[in-house]
Amino acid sequence: MRGMRRSLTAEPALPPSPGAEHHLALDFVNSAIALPGGQFIDLLGTPEAASSWLRERDLAPAGAEVQEMCASQLRSLREHVRALFAAHTAALPVLPAALSAVNNALSRVPTAALLLWDDKNGPYRAAPCPTNEILDHALALIAANTADLLTGPDAGSLTACDSTPCNRYLLRRGRRHWCSTRCGDRARAARAYARRTQPKA
């Protein structure tokens, strides 16, 4: 995200992308938001923001505060989950480091089935560690939801928002390829502008 101005203020006035209300992993990857004008909002950008994000999603008890090291682990897992989403939506080979990061997080919870990847058939779950730590629990839940999404019935609907510079993911319903009305309006306006400015034959 070089060259982008970071804004670590309140959550943006963007509704959750379609599917994020049912899939924690979608909500998680969409916690880093690219906006027009080079602005960037990171809802996990500081320990305070990360703590708030975890508490709001019942991944940490009221009053719990994570340190920068924990916030950094969350941001790292987010980039790995984004890499898996990108590989899945573009039908590209998976990055081994991303797969390992999700499986490492999964292994923090007892009896969690790991996420495996077959080059021909894609992602699938297969089984196999106790945890008392808030962060371990949160990472494991996020990783488990990532694996469930990539191997479940919604996997084929996972797509990236089709409005530049948006970097959010969503579950496509019908022909909709935008994460929000705002992104859809921006994409339509850009297409209309391109048609108006196209040189006449």
Foldseek 3Di string as FASTA:
>chain_A
DPPADEDADDDDPFDFFAPCVPFVLLVLLQQWKQDPPRYIYHQLPAQVSVVVVCCVVVLDPPPDTDHPVLSVLSVVLSVLLLQLLVCLQVVHDGDPVSLVSLQVLLQQPPFQWGWDADSVPGIDTGTDHYDDDSSSSSSNVNSSSSSCCCHDPQVVQWDAAPAPPTGHIHRDDPPHRHRGPVRVVRVVVVVVVCVVPDDDD
